[in-house]
Amino acid sequence: MAKFGELISSEIPVLIDFYMDLTEATDDLHSVLRDVAAALGDKAKVIKIDVEKNETLANALRIKGNPTFIIYKEGEMKWRQTGDQDANTLINLVEQYC
């Protein structure tokens, strides 16, 4: 993921979901993220990154749990949490940085 630096340097918040496709809950999580992206529209970016396909990046960021959410703005990590989150919680968190 060579463009990760560009991605997180955005002037709008970037919510990243680092996930592994190992559980049945993955589909539920993807629908939560669709809801978050729809609610935020152009105010933020919502991105999913498969940990297994981006192992070097996941290791560099010390991603250990599934899922791990991180919010970046202008290249700075603003928030990080491992574990399931509901759509409203994620929307409210991202809106704090809009």
N, C-alpha and C. Protein backbone atom coordinates (compact mmCIF):
# COMPACT_ATOMS: atom_id res chain seq x y z
N MET A 1 0.85 -1.18 0.00
CA MET A 1 0.00 0.00 0.00
C MET A 1 0.89 1.24 0.00
N ALA A 2 1.54 1.46 -1.10
CA ALA A 2 2.51 2.54 -1.23
C ALA A 2 1.88 3.92 -1.08
N LYS A 3 0.62 4.04 -1.34
CA LYS A 3 -0.04 5.34 -1.31
C LYS A 3 -0.70 5.62 0.04
N PHE A 4 -0.36 4.84 1.06
CA PHE A 4 -0.98 5.02 2.37
C PHE A 4 -0.74 6.42 2.91
N GLY A 5 0.48 6.93 2.74
CA GLY A 5 0.80 8.28 3.20
C GLY A 5 -0.08 9.33 2.55
N GLU A 6 -0.32 9.18 1.25
CA GLU A 6 -1.20 10.11 0.55
C GLU A 6 -2.63 9.99 1.07
N LEU A 7 -3.05 8.77 1.29
CA LEU A 7 -4.40 8.50 1.75
C LEU A 7 -4.69 9.18 3.09
N ILE A 8 -3.79 9.04 4.04
CA ILE A 8 -4.05 9.59 5.38
C ILE A 8 -3.74 11.07 5.48
N SER A 9 -3.16 11.65 4.45
CA SER A 9 -2.84 13.09 4.47
C SER A 9 -4.04 13.96 4.08
N SER A 10 -5.15 13.35 3.86
CA SER A 10 -6.35 14.06 3.43
C SER A 10 -6.76 15.14 4.44
N GLU A 11 -7.32 16.23 3.92
CA GLU A 11 -7.82 17.30 4.78
C GLU A 11 -9.14 16.92 5.44
N ILE A 12 -9.82 15.92 4.89
CA ILE A 12 -11.03 15.42 5.54
C ILE A 12 -10.66 14.15 6.31
N PRO A 13 -11.42 13.81 7.34
CA PRO A 13 -11.10 12.61 8.11
C PRO A 13 -11.16 11.34 7.26
N VAL A 14 -10.29 10.41 7.58
CA VAL A 14 -10.25 9.12 6.90
C VAL A 14 -10.43 8.04 7.97
N LEU A 15 -11.54 7.30 7.87
CA LEU A 15 -11.79 6.18 8.77
C LEU A 15 -11.34 4.92 8.06
N ILE A 16 -10.41 4.21 8.67
CA ILE A 16 -9.89 2.98 8.08
C ILE A 16 -10.27 1.80 8.96
N ASP A 17 -10.81 0.78 8.32
CA ASP A 17 -11.13 -0.48 8.99
C ASP A 17 -10.10 -1.51 8.55
N PHE A 18 -9.24 -1.91 9.46
CA PHE A 18 -8.30 -2.99 9.19
C PHE A 18 -9.00 -4.28 9.62
N TYR A 19 -9.23 -5.18 8.67
CA TYR A 19 -10.02 -6.37 8.97
C TYR A 19 -9.37 -7.62 8.38
N MET A 20 -9.85 -8.78 8.86
CA MET A 20 -9.50 -10.07 8.27
C MET A 20 -10.79 -10.77 7.93
N ASP A 21 -10.84 -11.39 6.77
CA ASP A 21 -12.04 -12.07 6.30
C ASP A 21 -12.14 -13.47 6.90
N LEU A 22 -12.20 -13.56 8.22
CA LEU A 22 -12.19 -14.87 8.86
C LEU A 22 -13.51 -15.23 9.53
N THR A 23 -14.32 -14.25 9.79
CA THR A 23 -15.51 -14.51 10.59
C THR A 23 -16.79 -14.20 9.82
N GLU A 24 -17.88 -14.77 10.28
CA GLU A 24 -19.18 -14.46 9.70
C GLU A 24 -19.56 -13.02 9.94
N ALA A 25 -19.04 -12.44 11.00
CA ALA A 25 -19.36 -11.06 11.35
C ALA A 25 -18.80 -10.06 10.34
N THR A 26 -17.92 -10.51 9.46
CA THR A 26 -17.33 -9.61 8.47
C THR A 26 -18.39 -8.96 7.59
N ASP A 27 -19.39 -9.73 7.18
CA ASP A 27 -20.47 -9.18 6.35
C ASP A 27 -21.24 -8.10 7.11
N ASP A 28 -21.50 -8.34 8.39
CA ASP A 28 -22.19 -7.34 9.21
C ASP A 28 -21.36 -6.07 9.30
N LEU A 29 -20.07 -6.23 9.47
CA LEU A 29 -19.18 -5.09 9.58
C LEU A 29 -19.17 -4.29 8.28
N HIS A 30 -19.15 -4.97 7.16
CA HIS A 30 -19.16 -4.27 5.87
C HIS A 30 -20.45 -3.46 5.70
N SER A 31 -21.57 -3.99 6.17
CA SER A 31 -22.83 -3.23 6.05
C SER A 31 -22.81 -2.03 6.99
N VAL A 32 -22.19 -2.16 8.16
CA VAL A 32 -22.04 -1.03 9.07
C VAL A 32 -21.21 0.06 8.39
N LEU A 33 -20.12 -0.33 7.75
CA LEU A 33 -19.26 0.65 7.08
C LEU A 33 -19.97 1.32 5.90
N ARG A 34 -20.81 0.57 5.20
CA ARG A 34 -21.60 1.18 4.12
C ARG A 34 -22.52 2.25 4.69
N ASP A 35 -23.14 1.95 5.83
CA ASP A 35 -24.02 2.93 6.49
C ASP A 35 -23.24 4.17 6.92
N VAL A 36 -22.05 3.96 7.46
CA VAL A 36 -21.20 5.08 7.89
C VAL A 36 -20.83 5.93 6.69
N ALA A 37 -20.38 5.30 5.63
CA ALA A 37 -19.98 6.03 4.42
C ALA A 37 -21.16 6.81 3.84
N ALA A 38 -22.33 6.20 3.83
CA ALA A 38 -23.51 6.88 3.29
C ALA A 38 -23.89 8.08 4.15
N ALA A 39 -23.80 7.93 5.46
CA ALA A 39 -24.18 9.02 6.38
C ALA A 39 -23.19 10.18 6.30
N LEU A 40 -21.92 9.88 6.11
CA LEU A 40 -20.90 10.93 6.10
C LEU A 40 -20.75 11.59 4.73
N GLY A 41 -21.08 10.88 3.67
CA GLY A 41 -20.99 11.44 2.33
C GLY A 41 -19.60 11.95 2.02
N ASP A 42 -19.52 13.21 1.55
CA ASP A 42 -18.23 13.81 1.17
C ASP A 42 -17.45 14.39 2.34
N LYS A 43 -18.00 14.28 3.56
CA LYS A 43 -17.33 14.87 4.72
C LYS A 43 -16.15 14.02 5.19
N ALA A 44 -16.10 12.76 4.76
CA ALA A 44 -15.02 11.87 5.20
C ALA A 44 -14.86 10.73 4.20
N LYS A 45 -13.72 10.05 4.32
CA LYS A 45 -13.48 8.84 3.52
C LYS A 45 -13.59 7.65 4.46
N VAL A 46 -14.18 6.57 3.96
CA VAL A 46 -14.27 5.31 4.71
C VAL A 46 -13.61 4.24 3.86
N ILE A 47 -12.58 3.61 4.42
CA ILE A 47 -11.77 2.66 3.66
C ILE A 47 -11.60 1.37 4.45
N LYS A 48 -11.65 0.25 3.74
CA LYS A 48 -11.40 -1.06 4.35
C LYS A 48 -10.06 -1.56 3.82
N ILE A 49 -9.24 -2.08 4.72
CA ILE A 49 -7.95 -2.64 4.33
C ILE A 49 -7.85 -4.05 4.90
N ASP A 50 -7.68 -5.02 4.03
CA ASP A 50 -7.53 -6.42 4.42
C ASP A 50 -6.12 -6.62 4.98
N VAL A 51 -6.05 -7.00 6.24
CA VAL A 51 -4.78 -7.17 6.92
C VAL A 51 -3.91 -8.23 6.24
N GLU A 52 -4.53 -9.31 5.78
CA GLU A 52 -3.75 -10.39 5.16
C GLU A 52 -3.15 -9.97 3.83
N LYS A 53 -3.81 -9.09 3.10
CA LYS A 53 -3.30 -8.63 1.81
C LYS A 53 -2.33 -7.46 1.96
N ASN A 54 -2.30 -6.86 3.14
CA ASN A 54 -1.45 -5.69 3.41
C ASN A 54 -0.68 -5.92 4.71
N GLU A 55 -0.01 -7.07 4.76
CA GLU A 55 0.66 -7.50 5.98
C GLU A 55 1.75 -6.53 6.45
N THR A 56 2.51 -5.99 5.53
CA THR A 56 3.59 -5.06 5.89
C THR A 56 3.01 -3.82 6.58
N LEU A 57 1.97 -3.27 6.00
CA LEU A 57 1.32 -2.09 6.58
C LEU A 57 0.72 -2.43 7.95
N ALA A 58 0.02 -3.55 8.04
CA ALA A 58 -0.59 -3.97 9.31
C ALA A 58 0.47 -4.15 10.39
N ASN A 59 1.60 -4.74 10.03
CA ASN A 59 2.68 -4.91 11.01
C ASN A 59 3.27 -3.57 11.42
N ALA A 60 3.45 -2.69 10.45
CA ALA A 60 4.01 -1.36 10.76
C ALA A 60 3.11 -0.58 11.72
N LEU A 61 1.80 -0.78 11.59
CA LEU A 61 0.84 -0.07 12.46
C LEU A 61 0.48 -0.89 13.70
N ARG A 62 1.10 -2.07 13.83
CA ARG A 62 0.86 -2.96 14.97
C ARG A 62 -0.62 -3.32 15.11
N ILE A 63 -1.22 -3.69 14.00
CA ILE A 63 -2.61 -4.13 14.01
C ILE A 63 -2.62 -5.57 14.52
N LYS A 64 -3.24 -5.78 15.68
CA LYS A 64 -3.26 -7.11 16.28
C LYS A 64 -4.68 -7.68 16.37
N GLY A 65 -5.68 -6.81 16.52
CA GLY A 65 -7.05 -7.27 16.69
C GLY A 65 -7.86 -7.11 15.43
N ASN A 66 -8.99 -7.79 15.39
CA ASN A 66 -9.88 -7.77 14.24
C ASN A 66 -11.30 -7.44 14.69
N PRO A 67 -11.87 -6.36 14.23
CA PRO A 67 -11.31 -5.31 13.38
C PRO A 67 -10.59 -4.25 14.22
N THR A 68 -9.75 -3.47 13.57
CA THR A 68 -9.14 -2.30 14.20
C THR A 68 -9.52 -1.09 13.35
N PHE A 69 -10.09 -0.08 14.00
CA PHE A 69 -10.48 1.15 13.32
C PHE A 69 -9.51 2.26 13.69
N ILE A 70 -9.12 3.05 12.69
CA ILE A 70 -8.26 4.20 12.93
C ILE A 70 -8.82 5.38 12.15
N ILE A 71 -8.84 6.54 12.79
CA ILE A 71 -9.22 7.77 12.10
C ILE A 71 -7.97 8.63 11.96
N TYR A 72 -7.70 9.04 10.72
CA TYR A 72 -6.60 9.95 10.41
C TYR A 72 -7.16 11.25 9.85
N LYS A 73 -6.44 12.32 10.10
CA LYS A 73 -6.73 13.59 9.43
C LYS A 73 -5.42 14.32 9.26
N GLU A 74 -5.15 14.76 8.04
CA GLU A 74 -3.92 15.48 7.70
C GLU A 74 -2.68 14.72 8.18
N GLY A 75 -2.70 13.40 8.00
CA GLY A 75 -1.56 12.57 8.31
C GLY A 75 -1.39 12.19 9.77
N GLU A 76 -2.27 12.68 10.62
CA GLU A 76 -2.15 12.42 12.06
C GLU A 76 -3.24 11.46 12.52
N MET A 77 -2.84 10.45 13.29
CA MET A 77 -3.81 9.53 13.87
C MET A 77 -4.59 10.27 14.96
N LYS A 78 -5.90 10.28 14.83
CA LYS A 78 -6.75 10.99 15.78
C LYS A 78 -7.42 10.05 16.77
N TRP A 79 -7.68 8.82 16.33
CA TRP A 79 -8.42 7.87 17.17
C TRP A 79 -8.12 6.47 16.69
N ARG A 80 -8.09 5.53 17.62
CA ARG A 80 -7.85 4.12 17.28
C ARG A 80 -8.57 3.24 18.27
N GLN A 81 -9.21 2.19 17.76
CA GLN A 81 -9.93 1.27 18.64
C GLN A 81 -10.00 -0.10 17.97
N THR A 82 -9.78 -1.13 18.75
CA THR A 82 -9.92 -2.49 18.26
C THR A 82 -11.23 -3.05 18.79
N GLY A 83 -11.94 -3.77 17.93
CA GLY A 83 -13.21 -4.38 18.32
C GLY A 83 -14.37 -3.78 17.55
N ASP A 84 -15.47 -4.49 17.58
CA ASP A 84 -16.66 -4.06 16.84
C ASP A 84 -17.17 -2.71 17.33
N GLN A 85 -17.64 -1.92 16.38
CA GLN A 85 -18.24 -0.61 16.67
C GLN A 85 -19.53 -0.53 15.86
N ASP A 86 -20.53 0.15 16.41
CA ASP A 86 -21.76 0.32 15.64
C ASP A 86 -21.65 1.57 14.77
N ALA A 87 -22.54 1.66 13.79
CA ALA A 87 -22.48 2.75 12.81
C ALA A 87 -22.58 4.12 13.48
N ASN A 88 -23.51 4.29 14.41
CA ASN A 88 -23.70 5.60 15.05
C ASN A 88 -22.45 6.04 15.80
N THR A 89 -21.80 5.12 16.49
CA THR A 89 -20.56 5.45 17.20
C THR A 89 -19.49 5.93 16.23
N LEU A 90 -19.31 5.19 15.14
CA LEU A 90 -18.30 5.57 14.16
C LEU A 90 -18.62 6.91 13.50
N ILE A 91 -19.88 7.12 13.17
CA ILE A 91 -20.29 8.39 12.55
C ILE A 91 -19.99 9.54 13.49
N ASN A 92 -20.38 9.40 14.76
CA ASN A 92 -20.13 10.47 15.74
C ASN A 92 -18.65 10.73 15.94
N LEU A 93 -17.85 9.69 15.98
CA LEU A 93 -16.40 9.87 16.14
C LEU A 93 -15.81 10.62 14.95
N VAL A 94 -16.15 10.18 13.75
CA VAL A 94 -15.58 10.84 12.56
C VAL A 94 -16.04 12.29 12.47
N GLU A 95 -17.29 12.56 12.81
CA GLU A 95 -17.81 13.93 12.72
C GLU A 95 -17.07 14.89 13.66
N GLN A 96 -16.47 14.38 14.71
CA GLN A 96 -15.69 15.24 15.61
C GLN A 96 -14.50 15.88 14.89
N TYR A 97 -14.06 15.26 13.80
CA TYR A 97 -12.87 15.73 13.09
C TYR A 97 -13.20 16.39 11.75
N CYS A 98 -14.49 16.56 11.46
CA CYS A 98 -14.89 17.20 10.21
C CYS A 98 -14.74 18.71 10.29
